[in-house]
């Protein structure tokens, strides 16, 4: 297996830095076969001299040096030619022996490094070799093409390494454009994969620009890079006790899944306040990694698809399909499992099903209650896993079976008691291995203000009106919001946001003509006028529940209704106290629990 090294040109360090990194591998300080590369305090002076003393260390089979036009690099970190004078003041070895030569070189400002070397050979023949051995100390101030010329013609890198040194000039016009960088890298990677199909790649992601680092991470996370690839960072050790111009440096391997590792720290709900949300959040984060099927139950408009997609890792495929779109069993089977050309009249070519598309990812099947019994039976057979946790599927019209591994998430807005009647018993048992009930907004009222703010920002209203500024004094809006049942959940919050913003958009004449004189009054009026009047979906009289359970349900609903209607438990107590009724806040809160 060949070992490939890939790096971008780095403006602030120059190509000598590459030479020192290669020396670190050749000297044995960095071992490619280690599970995790982590080497500290590598001396650049020592590595510069290494190739002079040892010829048979580890060497990469191919080195790819990624560049683009000089002016593109200059835009992010221009070569500071005037800074070359630092070599005269900061380098003791220069002061002692070759300062007069360097002064001549800097004053003449030659067109390229080849002319400089020839000048020294003619005018200072006794110092030409010494001078050439010092060029690396100032190499970062030369043009890219000069640096490459020096590396291949005058550095102390072994001939084999020079012969395996490849320049890859990419068509990047802006090293601050991550998308452009990634697109160029994809073309380069595809070409390299064909040339080196069974190789190990060591990619230095720290060089180039900040955006090139991001692009490498994206490509690694998207599994575009080969499996046998390692990402490394190389950087000066600022804490090194050695105080000199060329600081010691470290080489450290970095994760290829750093994006998903960061995202795993993110909660499904951004800032869950209510206990019911915190519980749902914890279940979702744990259940999805269990390997079992997960069923999400939640009312319409609660965002089940959005929540399911948020719990996937960044490198995972996520395929979503709404089972309500299946008009018949054949359509359902072809979408789920795919089909072979000629399987039916309109099957003009082979087509993958969603199971294949979601292989090694997540398959989300929404509104599962719409599946007919025949489709349920076929799906039930497909999702029986073997000993290695693979599903077995077969395309419509195909006799060959395929092994698929995917995480299954089902979803429905029906209650569990309804699903028992709608689904085949075996299918019901299979998909209810792990169940997460997504609480409706009215069950997590402590989160409503944050929910409304999130909707406001998602609809990009923040660009016109700051949510915090226009609502900080509108206590009536949030008091009213907490009285609503919000059967449409987030869709209702979208309507409320639209009404609220619309009032602010009205000119003075329209506002004058309205009977409502505030954004809150207008929003309340429009919402209550046009919102659908749904009955509470939870049936009180369910014979599957005991009388004691039915009383508890009634008490909870009564407490919620009274508190929402009067605005608080205290106001409810005061109202009935005036009517001569004995009711306490403790009683209301006990009912609500």
Protein backbone atom coordinates (compact mmCIF):
# COMPACT_ATOMS: atom_id res chain seq x y z
CA UNK A 1 0.00 0.00 0.00
CA UNK A 2 1.40 3.37 -1.04
CA UNK A 3 1.69 6.31 1.37
CA UNK A 4 0.53 9.64 -0.01
CA UNK A 5 1.18 13.05 1.57
CA UNK A 6 -1.05 16.02 0.62
CA UNK A 7 -0.71 19.64 1.68
CA UNK A 8 -1.58 23.14 0.56
CA UNK A 9 1.13 25.74 0.10
CA UNK A 10 1.47 27.85 3.23
CA UNK A 11 2.36 31.51 2.73
CA UNK A 12 3.67 32.39 6.19
CA UNK A 13 6.05 29.40 6.55
CA UNK A 14 7.04 28.50 3.03
CA UNK A 15 8.05 25.23 1.48
CA UNK A 16 10.90 24.64 3.95
CA UNK A 17 8.23 23.91 6.52
CA UNK A 18 7.06 21.03 4.31
CA UNK A 19 10.63 19.77 4.19
CA UNK A 20 10.84 19.77 7.98
CA UNK A 21 7.52 17.91 8.30
CA UNK A 22 8.71 15.27 5.85
CA UNK A 23 11.93 15.00 7.87
CA UNK A 24 9.88 14.36 11.01
CA UNK A 25 8.32 11.32 9.33
CA UNK A 26 11.65 10.20 7.82
CA UNK A 27 13.45 10.46 11.16
CA UNK A 28 10.93 8.21 12.85
CA UNK A 29 9.53 10.91 15.13
CA UNK A 30 6.15 10.52 13.39
CA UNK A 31 5.07 6.95 12.68
CA UNK A 32 2.41 6.61 10.00
CA UNK A 33 1.24 3.26 11.40
CA UNK A 34 0.45 4.68 14.84
CA UNK A 35 -3.21 4.66 15.83
CA UNK A 36 -2.98 8.34 16.66
CA UNK A 37 -0.17 10.68 15.62
CA UNK A 38 0.82 13.14 18.32
CA UNK A 39 4.40 14.44 18.39
CA UNK A 40 5.53 17.57 20.20
CA UNK A 41 8.54 19.90 20.23
CA UNK A 42 10.09 18.99 16.89
CA UNK A 43 13.14 21.14 16.17
CA UNK A 44 13.14 22.80 12.76
CA UNK A 45 16.93 23.21 12.92
CA UNK A 46 17.34 19.50 13.62
CA UNK A 47 14.87 18.51 10.90
CA UNK A 48 16.56 20.80 8.38
CA UNK A 49 19.82 18.90 8.84
CA UNK A 50 18.25 15.46 9.02
CA UNK A 51 18.31 14.60 5.32
CA UNK A 52 22.04 15.44 5.28
CA UNK A 53 22.84 12.73 7.79
CA UNK A 54 20.40 9.89 7.19
CA UNK A 55 19.17 8.64 3.85
CA UNK A 56 17.15 5.52 4.61
CA UNK A 57 14.31 6.71 6.85
CA UNK A 58 10.60 6.54 6.03
CA UNK A 59 9.65 8.42 2.86
CA UNK A 60 6.28 9.00 1.26
CA UNK A 61 5.71 7.33 -2.07
CA UNK A 62 4.03 10.45 -3.47
CA UNK A 63 3.78 14.05 -2.26
CA UNK A 64 1.10 16.40 -3.62
CA UNK A 65 1.66 20.11 -3.12
CA UNK A 66 -1.54 22.07 -3.75
CA UNK A 67 -1.23 25.62 -5.08
CA UNK A 68 -3.07 28.20 -7.12
CA UNK A 69 -2.06 31.54 -8.64
CA UNK A 70 0.41 33.60 -6.60
CA UNK A 71 -1.92 36.61 -6.39
CA UNK A 72 -4.63 34.44 -4.81
CA UNK A 73 -2.30 33.53 -1.95
CA UNK A 74 -1.07 37.13 -1.70
CA UNK A 75 -4.63 38.27 -1.00
CA UNK A 76 -4.76 36.27 2.22
CA UNK A 77 -1.15 36.76 3.31
CA UNK A 78 1.10 38.82 1.05
CA UNK A 79 4.78 37.96 0.79
CA UNK A 80 6.40 40.76 2.76
CA UNK A 81 9.58 41.40 0.77
CA UNK A 82 10.69 44.20 3.08
CA UNK A 83 10.62 41.79 5.98
CA UNK A 84 13.60 40.02 4.43
CA UNK A 85 15.79 42.47 6.34
CA UNK A 86 14.90 40.51 9.48
CA UNK A 87 17.27 37.79 8.40
CA UNK A 88 20.11 40.28 8.86
CA UNK A 89 19.15 41.08 12.45
CA UNK A 90 17.60 37.87 13.77
CA UNK A 91 19.96 35.27 12.41
CA UNK A 92 23.30 34.90 14.23
CA UNK A 93 24.62 32.48 11.65
CA UNK A 94 23.97 35.06 8.92
CA UNK A 95 25.64 37.87 10.86
CA UNK A 96 28.78 35.87 11.43
CA UNK A 97 29.49 34.63 7.92
CA UNK A 98 27.22 35.75 5.08
CA UNK A 99 25.62 39.06 6.05
CA UNK A 100 27.37 40.93 3.22
CA UNK A 101 25.99 38.43 0.69
CA UNK A 102 22.42 38.74 1.94
CA UNK A 103 22.68 42.54 1.92
CA UNK A 104 23.65 42.39 -1.77
CA UNK A 105 20.80 40.01 -2.56
CA UNK A 106 18.20 42.15 -0.82
CA UNK A 107 19.42 45.40 -2.38
CA UNK A 108 19.42 44.01 -5.94
CA UNK A 109 15.87 42.55 -5.79
CA UNK A 110 16.44 39.89 -8.41
CA UNK A 111 13.57 38.65 -10.60
CA UNK A 112 13.79 35.11 -9.29
CA UNK A 113 15.73 32.81 -7.01
CA UNK A 114 17.71 31.27 -9.87
CA UNK A 115 19.25 34.67 -10.68
CA UNK A 116 20.15 35.15 -7.01
CA UNK A 117 21.96 31.84 -6.83
CA UNK A 118 23.85 32.55 -10.05
CA UNK A 119 24.82 36.00 -8.76
CA UNK A 120 26.31 34.53 -5.60
CA UNK A 121 28.23 31.90 -7.57
CA UNK A 122 29.84 34.58 -9.72
CA UNK A 123 30.57 37.18 -7.09
CA UNK A 124 31.11 35.07 -3.96
CA UNK A 125 32.38 31.71 -5.21
CA UNK A 126 33.76 30.72 -1.83
CA UNK A 127 30.40 31.16 -0.15
CA UNK A 128 27.95 29.80 -2.73
CA UNK A 129 27.34 26.43 -1.00
CA UNK A 130 26.99 28.06 2.41
CA UNK A 131 24.55 30.59 0.97
CA UNK A 132 22.46 27.86 -0.66
CA UNK A 133 22.28 26.00 2.64
CA UNK A 134 20.83 29.16 4.26
CA UNK A 135 18.09 29.93 1.71
CA UNK A 136 15.51 27.87 3.62
CA UNK A 137 15.69 30.44 6.43
CA UNK A 138 14.09 33.04 4.18
CA UNK A 139 12.17 30.87 1.71
CA UNK A 140 8.70 32.16 2.70
CA UNK A 141 9.47 35.54 1.08
CA UNK A 142 9.89 34.05 -2.39
CA UNK A 143 7.21 33.42 -4.97
CA UNK A 144 5.64 29.96 -5.00
CA UNK A 145 7.38 28.99 -8.23
CA UNK A 146 10.75 30.05 -6.76
CA UNK A 147 10.11 28.01 -3.63
CA UNK A 148 9.28 24.94 -5.67
CA UNK A 149 12.39 25.48 -7.83
CA UNK A 150 14.56 25.68 -4.72
CA UNK A 151 12.94 22.57 -3.20
CA UNK A 152 13.57 20.46 -6.29
CA UNK A 153 16.99 21.86 -7.28
CA UNK A 154 18.81 23.09 -4.20
CA UNK A 155 17.30 21.66 -1.00
CA UNK A 156 18.85 18.70 0.80
CA UNK A 157 15.75 16.56 0.21
CA UNK A 158 16.67 13.08 -1.13
CA UNK A 159 16.44 12.55 -4.88
CA UNK A 160 13.69 9.97 -4.48
CA UNK A 161 11.53 12.49 -2.60
CA UNK A 162 12.16 15.15 -5.25
CA UNK A 163 11.17 12.73 -7.99
CA UNK A 164 7.92 11.92 -6.19
CA UNK A 165 7.09 15.58 -5.58
CA UNK A 166 3.95 16.58 -7.54
CA UNK A 167 2.61 20.11 -8.05
CA UNK A 168 -1.17 20.29 -8.28
CA UNK A 169 -2.29 23.75 -9.33
CA UNK A 170 -5.99 24.15 -8.54
CA UNK A 171 -8.32 26.63 -10.22
CA UNK A 172 -9.14 28.47 -7.00
CA UNK A 173 -9.68 32.21 -7.36
CA UNK A 174 -10.61 32.94 -3.77
CA UNK A 175 -9.08 31.14 -0.80
CA UNK A 176 -11.85 32.57 1.38
CA UNK A 177 -14.56 30.74 -0.59
CA UNK A 178 -15.06 27.36 1.10
CA UNK A 179 -17.44 26.10 -1.57
CA UNK A 180 -15.04 26.91 -4.40
CA UNK A 181 -12.19 25.24 -2.53
CA UNK A 182 -14.28 22.12 -1.83
CA UNK A 183 -15.38 21.82 -5.47
CA UNK A 184 -11.75 21.98 -6.64
CA UNK A 185 -10.67 19.45 -4.04
CA UNK A 186 -13.39 17.01 -5.08
CA UNK A 187 -12.09 17.02 -8.66
CA UNK A 188 -8.53 16.52 -7.40
CA UNK A 189 -9.57 13.71 -5.03
CA UNK A 190 -11.51 11.87 -7.75
CA UNK A 191 -8.47 11.98 -10.01
CA UNK A 192 -6.17 10.83 -7.20
CA UNK A 193 -8.47 7.96 -6.23
CA UNK A 194 -8.24 6.55 -9.76
CA UNK A 195 -4.45 6.79 -9.71
CA UNK A 196 -3.99 5.49 -6.15
CA UNK A 197 -6.94 3.21 -5.49
CA UNK A 198 -5.34 1.37 -2.58
CA UNK A 199 -3.28 3.96 -0.75
CA UNK A 200 -3.05 5.64 2.62
CA UNK A 201 -3.40 9.41 2.55
CA UNK A 202 -1.87 11.73 5.13
CA UNK A 203 -3.46 15.15 4.62
CA UNK A 204 -2.11 18.24 6.35
CA UNK A 205 -5.29 20.27 6.82
CA UNK A 206 -3.71 23.12 8.79
CA UNK A 207 -1.97 24.71 5.81
CA UNK A 208 -3.47 26.94 3.12
CA UNK A 209 -6.18 29.13 4.66
CA UNK A 210 -8.83 28.77 7.36
CA UNK A 211 -11.31 27.98 4.60
CA UNK A 212 -9.19 25.14 3.20
CA UNK A 213 -9.23 23.56 6.65
CA UNK A 214 -13.04 23.73 6.73
CA UNK A 215 -13.24 22.26 3.22
CA UNK A 216 -11.05 19.29 4.20
CA UNK A 217 -13.24 18.61 7.24
CA UNK A 218 -16.41 18.77 5.15
CA UNK A 219 -14.98 16.31 2.61
CA UNK A 220 -13.85 13.96 5.38
CA UNK A 221 -17.23 14.16 7.09
CA UNK A 222 -18.99 13.46 3.76
CA UNK A 223 -16.84 10.34 3.28
CA UNK A 224 -15.43 11.71 0.03
CA UNK A 225 -11.92 11.04 1.29
CA UNK A 226 -10.70 7.42 1.24
CA UNK A 227 -11.19 5.29 4.32
CA UNK A 228 -7.40 4.95 4.66
CA UNK A 229 -6.80 8.63 5.26
CA UNK A 230 -5.51 10.58 8.23
CA UNK A 231 -5.84 14.31 8.85
CA UNK A 232 -3.02 16.06 10.66
CA UNK A 233 -2.40 19.55 12.00
CA UNK A 234 1.09 21.05 12.14
CA UNK A 235 1.69 24.22 14.09
CA UNK A 236 4.37 26.14 15.95
CA UNK A 237 4.60 25.32 19.61
CA UNK A 238 4.12 28.75 21.21
CA UNK A 239 4.94 27.31 24.63
CA UNK A 240 8.32 25.99 23.53
CA UNK A 241 11.15 26.91 25.88
CA UNK A 242 13.39 27.38 22.85
CA UNK A 243 13.29 31.11 22.01
CA UNK A 244 14.50 31.47 18.45
CA UNK A 245 13.29 32.58 15.06
CA UNK A 246 12.34 29.03 14.04
CA UNK A 247 10.13 27.70 16.81
CA UNK A 248 9.67 24.03 17.55
CA UNK A 249 6.52 22.57 16.03
CA UNK A 250 3.98 19.86 16.82
CA UNK A 251 2.25 17.33 14.57
CA UNK A 252 -1.10 16.04 15.75
CA UNK A 253 -3.72 13.88 14.10
CA UNK A 254 -7.25 15.33 14.08
CA UNK A 255 -10.60 13.59 13.84
CA UNK A 256 -12.24 13.12 10.45
CA UNK A 257 -15.62 13.54 12.12
CA UNK A 258 -15.03 16.67 14.12
CA UNK A 259 -18.22 18.28 12.75
CA UNK A 260 -20.48 15.49 13.99
CA UNK A 261 -18.55 15.29 17.27
CA UNK A 262 -19.31 18.95 17.84
CA UNK A 263 -22.91 18.56 16.73
CA UNK A 264 -23.42 15.65 19.14
CA UNK A 265 -23.11 18.20 21.95
CA UNK A 266 -26.08 20.10 20.58
CA UNK A 267 -29.48 19.34 22.05
CA UNK A 268 -32.47 18.39 19.89
CA UNK A 269 -34.36 21.24 21.56
CA UNK A 270 -32.05 24.27 21.71
CA UNK A 271 -32.93 25.35 25.24
CA UNK A 272 -35.53 23.00 26.76
CA UNK A 273 -37.05 24.54 29.87
CA UNK A 274 -40.07 22.34 30.60
CA UNK A 275 -39.52 18.90 32.09
CA UNK A 276 -41.53 17.16 29.35
CA UNK A 277 -39.20 18.57 26.70
CA UNK A 278 -36.09 17.69 28.65
CA UNK A 279 -37.36 14.11 28.90
CA UNK A 280 -38.17 13.91 25.16
CA UNK A 281 -34.77 15.40 24.38
CA UNK A 282 -32.94 12.82 26.49
CA UNK A 283 -34.91 9.94 24.99
CA UNK A 284 -34.29 11.03 21.41
CA UNK A 285 -30.55 11.42 21.88
CA UNK A 286 -30.29 7.99 23.53
CA UNK A 287 -32.80 5.95 21.52
CA UNK A 288 -31.44 6.84 18.08
CA UNK A 289 -28.10 5.21 18.99
CA UNK A 290 -29.71 2.03 20.32
CA UNK A 291 -30.05 0.24 16.98
CA UNK A 292 -33.79 -0.33 17.51
CA UNK A 293 -36.67 1.22 15.61
CA UNK A 294 -37.98 4.45 17.08
CA UNK A 295 -41.57 5.69 16.87
CA UNK A 296 -42.25 9.42 17.27
CA UNK A 297 -45.76 10.29 18.35
CA UNK A 298 -46.86 13.89 18.18
CA UNK A 299 -49.64 16.15 17.00
CA UNK A 300 -49.65 17.80 13.60
CA UNK A 301 -47.40 20.82 13.32
CA UNK A 302 -45.11 19.76 16.16
CA UNK A 303 -42.12 19.36 13.82
CA UNK A 304 -41.46 15.61 13.99
CA UNK A 305 -39.44 15.60 10.75
CA UNK A 306 -37.33 18.54 11.91
CA UNK A 307 -36.62 16.92 15.27
CA UNK A 308 -35.73 13.59 13.65
CA UNK A 309 -33.31 15.25 11.25
CA UNK A 310 -31.61 17.16 14.05
CA UNK A 311 -30.59 14.01 15.91
CA UNK A 312 -28.66 12.56 12.99
CA UNK A 313 -24.92 12.93 12.90
CA UNK A 314 -23.57 15.30 10.31
CA UNK A 315 -22.04 12.53 8.23
CA UNK A 316 -25.24 10.49 8.11
CA UNK A 317 -27.64 10.35 5.20
CA UNK A 318 -31.21 11.28 6.12
CA UNK A 319 -34.01 10.13 3.83
CA UNK A 320 -37.59 11.18 4.59
CA UNK A 321 -40.81 9.94 2.98
CA UNK A 322 -44.45 10.70 3.80
CA UNK A 323 -46.52 7.51 3.71
CA UNK A 324 -49.66 9.56 3.00
CA UNK A 325 -48.29 10.03 -0.53
CA UNK A 326 -48.70 6.32 -1.34
CA UNK A 327 -51.84 6.12 -3.47
CA UNK A 328 -51.74 2.32 -3.70
CA UNK A 329 -49.72 -0.72 -2.66
CA UNK A 330 -47.64 -0.85 -5.85
CA UNK A 331 -46.59 2.79 -5.50
CA UNK A 332 -45.72 2.21 -1.87
CA UNK A 333 -43.61 -0.86 -2.65
CA UNK A 334 -41.75 0.84 -5.52
CA UNK A 335 -40.91 3.89 -3.41
CA UNK A 336 -39.86 1.87 -0.38
CA UNK A 337 -37.90 -0.89 -2.11
CA UNK A 338 -37.25 0.40 -5.62
CA UNK A 339 -37.87 -1.50 -8.85
CA UNK A 340 -36.20 -3.14 -11.81
CA UNK A 341 -36.64 -1.93 -15.35
CA UNK A 342 -39.81 -3.50 -16.80
CA UNK A 343 -41.32 -4.33 -13.40
CA UNK A 344 -44.43 -2.41 -14.50
CA UNK A 345 -45.55 -0.31 -17.45
CA UNK A 346 -43.79 2.93 -16.51
CA UNK A 347 -40.61 1.29 -15.15
CA UNK A 348 -38.26 2.54 -17.87
CA UNK A 349 -35.10 2.05 -15.81
CA UNK A 350 -33.82 0.60 -12.54
CA UNK A 351 -34.66 2.79 -9.57
CA UNK A 352 -33.44 2.73 -5.98
CA UNK A 353 -35.96 2.72 -3.16
CA UNK A 354 -35.67 4.80 -0.02
CA UNK A 355 -34.19 1.89 1.92
CA UNK A 356 -31.23 1.75 -0.46
CA UNK A 357 -30.92 5.53 -0.46
CA UNK A 358 -30.73 5.52 3.33
CA UNK A 359 -28.17 2.71 3.56
CA UNK A 360 -25.82 3.46 6.48
CA UNK A 361 -27.99 6.45 7.37
CA UNK A 362 -31.44 7.21 8.76
CA UNK A 363 -34.78 6.42 7.09
CA UNK A 364 -37.68 8.50 8.38
CA UNK A 365 -41.18 7.21 7.54
CA UNK A 366 -43.80 9.79 8.48
CA UNK A 367 -47.56 9.28 8.87
CA UNK A 368 -47.06 5.53 9.13
CA UNK A 369 -50.76 5.05 9.89
CA UNK A 370 -51.57 5.67 6.20
CA UNK A 371 -49.95 2.39 5.12
CA UNK A 372 -52.43 -0.24 3.94
CA UNK A 373 -52.32 -3.71 5.46
CA UNK A 374 -50.58 -5.32 2.44
CA UNK A 375 -47.77 -2.74 2.50
CA UNK A 376 -47.44 -3.19 6.25
CA UNK A 377 -46.96 -6.93 5.74
CA UNK A 378 -44.22 -6.40 3.12
CA UNK A 379 -42.55 -3.76 5.23
CA UNK A 380 -42.73 -6.02 8.26
CA UNK A 381 -40.84 -8.74 6.40
CA UNK A 382 -38.17 -6.27 5.22
CA UNK A 383 -37.42 -4.81 8.64
CA UNK A 384 -36.78 -8.15 10.34
CA UNK A 385 -33.03 -7.95 10.94
CA UNK A 386 -30.54 -10.80 10.67
CA UNK A 387 -27.86 -11.67 13.21
CA UNK A 388 -25.68 -8.82 11.93
CA UNK A 389 -28.51 -6.27 12.20
CA UNK A 390 -29.05 -6.01 8.43
CA UNK A 391 -32.42 -5.59 6.73
CA UNK A 392 -33.18 -7.71 3.67
CA UNK A 393 -34.99 -5.97 0.82
CA UNK A 394 -35.88 -6.90 -2.74
CA UNK A 395 -36.69 -4.47 -5.52
CA UNK A 396 -40.03 -4.80 -7.26
CA UNK A 397 -39.54 -7.17 -10.22
CA UNK A 398 -36.16 -8.40 -8.96
CA UNK A 399 -35.34 -11.88 -7.64
CA UNK A 400 -32.11 -10.79 -5.91
CA UNK A 401 -32.10 -9.69 -2.29
CA UNK A 402 -29.99 -6.87 -0.87
CA UNK A 403 -28.59 -6.31 2.62
CA UNK A 404 -29.24 -2.85 4.03
CA UNK A 405 -28.29 -1.32 7.37
CA UNK A 406 -30.15 1.83 8.36
CA UNK A 407 -31.70 3.41 11.44
CA UNK A 408 -35.49 3.46 11.21
CA UNK A 409 -37.62 6.26 12.62
CA UNK A 410 -41.39 6.04 12.23
CA UNK A 411 -43.80 8.85 13.04
CA UNK A 412 -47.53 9.38 13.43
CA UNK A 413 -49.91 12.02 14.74
CA UNK A 414 -52.30 9.31 15.93
CA UNK A 415 -52.59 8.18 19.50
CA UNK A 416 -51.20 4.82 20.49
CA UNK A 417 -54.70 3.47 21.05
CA UNK A 418 -55.62 4.42 17.47
CA UNK A 419 -52.47 2.84 16.02
CA UNK A 420 -53.35 -0.48 17.66
CA UNK A 421 -56.49 -0.55 15.52
CA UNK A 422 -54.90 0.79 12.32
CA UNK A 423 -51.80 -1.41 12.18
CA UNK A 424 -51.25 -5.15 11.91
CA UNK A 425 -50.42 -6.53 15.38
CA UNK A 426 -46.96 -7.81 14.33
CA UNK A 427 -46.13 -4.56 12.55
CA UNK A 428 -47.35 -2.53 15.53
CA UNK A 429 -45.16 -4.58 17.88
CA UNK A 430 -42.14 -4.12 15.64
CA UNK A 431 -42.32 -0.34 15.30
CA UNK A 432 -43.12 0.35 18.94
CA UNK A 433 -39.87 -1.04 20.30
CA UNK A 434 -38.98 2.46 21.48
CA UNK A 435 -41.58 5.23 21.60
CA UNK A 436 -41.01 8.93 22.12
CA UNK A 437 -44.00 11.17 22.72
CA UNK A 438 -43.26 14.67 21.47
CA UNK A 439 -45.11 17.03 23.83
CA UNK A 440 -47.49 19.56 22.23
CA UNK A 441 -46.74 23.22 22.79
CA UNK A 442 -49.53 23.58 25.35
CA UNK A 443 -47.80 20.92 27.49
CA UNK A 444 -44.57 22.92 27.54
CA UNK A 445 -45.79 26.46 28.02
CA UNK A 446 -42.58 27.52 29.73
CA UNK A 447 -40.90 27.16 26.34
CA UNK A 448 -43.44 29.20 24.37
CA UNK A 449 -41.55 32.49 24.34
CA UNK A 450 -38.41 30.78 23.02
CA UNK A 451 -40.54 28.88 20.51
CA UNK A 452 -42.10 32.08 19.19
CA UNK A 453 -38.69 33.72 18.95
CA UNK A 454 -37.32 30.73 17.00
CA UNK A 455 -40.25 30.90 14.56
CA UNK A 456 -39.78 34.66 14.21
CA UNK A 457 -36.13 34.15 13.28
CA UNK A 458 -36.80 31.17 10.99
CA UNK A 459 -39.27 33.27 9.01
CA UNK A 460 -36.52 35.93 8.75
CA UNK A 461 -38.66 38.61 10.40
CA UNK A 462 -35.66 39.49 12.58
CA UNK A 463 -34.19 41.24 9.54
CA UNK A 464 -36.97 43.82 9.77
CA UNK A 465 -37.93 43.93 13.45
CA UNK A 466 -35.92 42.78 16.44
CA UNK A 467 -38.01 40.23 18.32
CA UNK A 468 -36.51 41.20 21.67
CA UNK A 469 -37.08 44.93 21.19
CA UNK A 470 -40.68 44.84 19.96
CA UNK A 471 -41.83 42.25 22.48
CA UNK A 472 -39.94 43.21 25.62
CA UNK A 473 -42.83 45.41 26.79
CA UNK A 474 -45.63 43.32 25.30
CA UNK A 475 -46.46 41.18 28.32
CA UNK A 476 -50.06 40.83 27.12
CA UNK A 477 -48.91 38.86 24.07
CA UNK A 478 -47.22 36.15 26.14
CA UNK A 479 -49.95 36.05 28.77
CA UNK A 480 -52.45 35.48 25.97
CA UNK A 481 -50.18 32.95 24.26
CA UNK A 482 -50.19 30.79 27.38
CA UNK A 483 -53.99 30.58 27.34
CA UNK A 484 -54.11 29.03 23.85
CA UNK A 485 -54.39 25.32 23.17
CA UNK A 486 -52.38 25.73 19.93
CA UNK A 487 -53.63 22.54 18.30
CA UNK A 488 -51.67 23.54 15.19
CA UNK A 489 -48.55 23.85 17.36
CA UNK A 490 -45.72 25.54 15.41
CA UNK A 491 -48.07 26.31 12.52
CA UNK A 492 -50.16 28.36 14.92
CA UNK A 493 -47.02 30.20 16.06
CA UNK A 494 -46.26 30.93 12.41
CA UNK A 495 -49.69 32.53 11.99
CA UNK A 496 -49.24 34.55 15.17
CA UNK A 497 -45.83 35.75 13.96
CA UNK A 498 -47.25 36.74 10.58
CA UNK A 499 -50.12 38.71 12.16
CA UNK A 500 -47.77 40.43 14.60
CA UNK A 501 -45.30 41.47 11.90
CA UNK A 502 -48.08 42.51 9.52
CA UNK A 503 -49.37 45.06 12.03
CA UNK A 504 -45.91 46.64 12.19
CA UNK A 505 -45.81 46.72 8.39
CA UNK A 506 -49.05 48.73 8.15
CA UNK A 507 -48.72 52.42 7.42
CA UNK A 508 -50.33 55.06 9.65
CA UNK A 509 -53.54 55.24 7.60
CA UNK A 510 -54.23 51.51 7.86
CA UNK A 511 -53.47 51.47 11.58
CA UNK A 512 -55.81 54.42 12.05
CA UNK A 513 -58.62 52.58 10.26
CA UNK A 514 -58.24 49.45 12.37
CA UNK A 515 -60.25 48.95 15.53
CA UNK A 516 -57.24 47.24 17.09
CA UNK A 517 -54.61 49.75 18.22
CA UNK A 518 -51.70 47.44 19.04
CA UNK A 519 -49.88 44.53 17.48
CA UNK A 520 -51.11 42.29 20.27
CA UNK A 521 -54.78 43.26 19.79
CA UNK A 522 -54.57 42.83 16.01
CA UNK A 523 -52.82 39.44 16.34
CA UNK A 524 -55.35 38.16 18.89
CA UNK A 525 -58.30 39.28 16.78
CA UNK A 526 -57.02 37.76 13.52
CA UNK A 527 -55.89 34.51 15.12
CA UNK A 528 -59.17 33.88 16.95
CA UNK A 529 -61.20 34.86 13.90
CA UNK A 530 -59.57 32.49 11.46
CA UNK A 531 -58.06 29.66 13.50
CA UNK A 532 -59.66 26.25 13.03
CA UNK A 533 -61.80 25.31 16.01
CA UNK A 534 -60.65 21.81 16.78
CA UNK A 535 -61.98 19.60 19.49
CA UNK A 536 -59.48 18.33 22.01
CA UNK A 537 -58.11 15.15 20.45
CA UNK A 538 -57.77 13.25 23.69
CA UNK A 539 -60.96 11.25 24.26
CA UNK A 540 -62.11 11.44 27.85
CA UNK A 541 -64.23 8.33 27.85
CA UNK A 542 -61.82 5.59 26.80
CA UNK A 543 -62.97 2.13 27.97
CA UNK A 544 -59.35 0.94 27.93
CA UNK A 545 -58.72 3.20 30.95
CA UNK A 546 -59.91 2.59 34.50
CA UNK A 547 -62.45 4.96 36.08
CA UNK A 548 -59.70 6.26 38.36
CA UNK A 549 -57.54 7.12 35.30
CA UNK A 550 -60.48 8.86 33.60
CA UNK A 551 -61.06 11.03 36.68
CA UNK A 552 -57.39 12.03 36.66
CA UNK A 553 -57.57 12.97 32.96
CA UNK A 554 -60.69 15.04 33.57
CA UNK A 555 -59.10 16.85 36.52
CA UNK A 556 -56.00 17.68 34.49
CA UNK A 557 -58.04 19.02 31.59
CA UNK A 558 -60.26 21.01 33.92
CA UNK A 559 -57.24 22.56 35.67
CA UNK A 560 -55.62 23.48 32.33
CA UNK A 561 -58.84 25.00 31.05
CA UNK A 562 -59.45 27.10 34.16
CA UNK A 563 -55.86 28.36 34.46
CA UNK A 564 -55.71 29.22 30.76
CA UNK A 565 -59.12 30.87 30.78
CA UNK A 566 -58.52 33.07 33.83
CA UNK A 567 -54.81 33.63 33.21
CA UNK A 568 -53.44 32.03 36.39
CA UNK A 569 -54.30 29.68 39.25
CA UNK A 570 -54.66 32.62 41.67
CA UNK A 571 -57.15 34.41 39.39
CA UNK A 572 -59.14 31.19 39.10
CA UNK A 573 -59.30 30.82 42.89
CA UNK A 574 -60.31 34.49 43.28
CA UNK A 575 -63.11 34.11 40.70
CA UNK A 576 -64.70 31.14 42.43
CA UNK A 577 -64.14 32.64 45.87
CA UNK A 578 -66.36 35.55 44.83
CA UNK A 579 -68.99 33.00 43.85
CA UNK A 580 -68.75 31.30 47.22
CA UNK A 581 -66.86 28.24 45.93
CA UNK A 582 -63.96 26.75 47.88
CA UNK A 583 -60.99 26.11 45.57
CA UNK A 584 -57.29 26.38 46.31
CA UNK A 585 -54.20 26.82 44.15
CA UNK A 586 -52.82 23.57 45.59
CA UNK A 587 -55.91 21.70 44.36
CA UNK A 588 -55.53 23.12 40.86
CA UNK A 589 -51.84 22.24 40.64
CA UNK A 590 -52.51 18.73 41.99
CA UNK A 591 -55.14 18.24 39.29
CA UNK A 592 -52.79 19.56 36.64
CA UNK A 593 -50.10 17.04 37.60
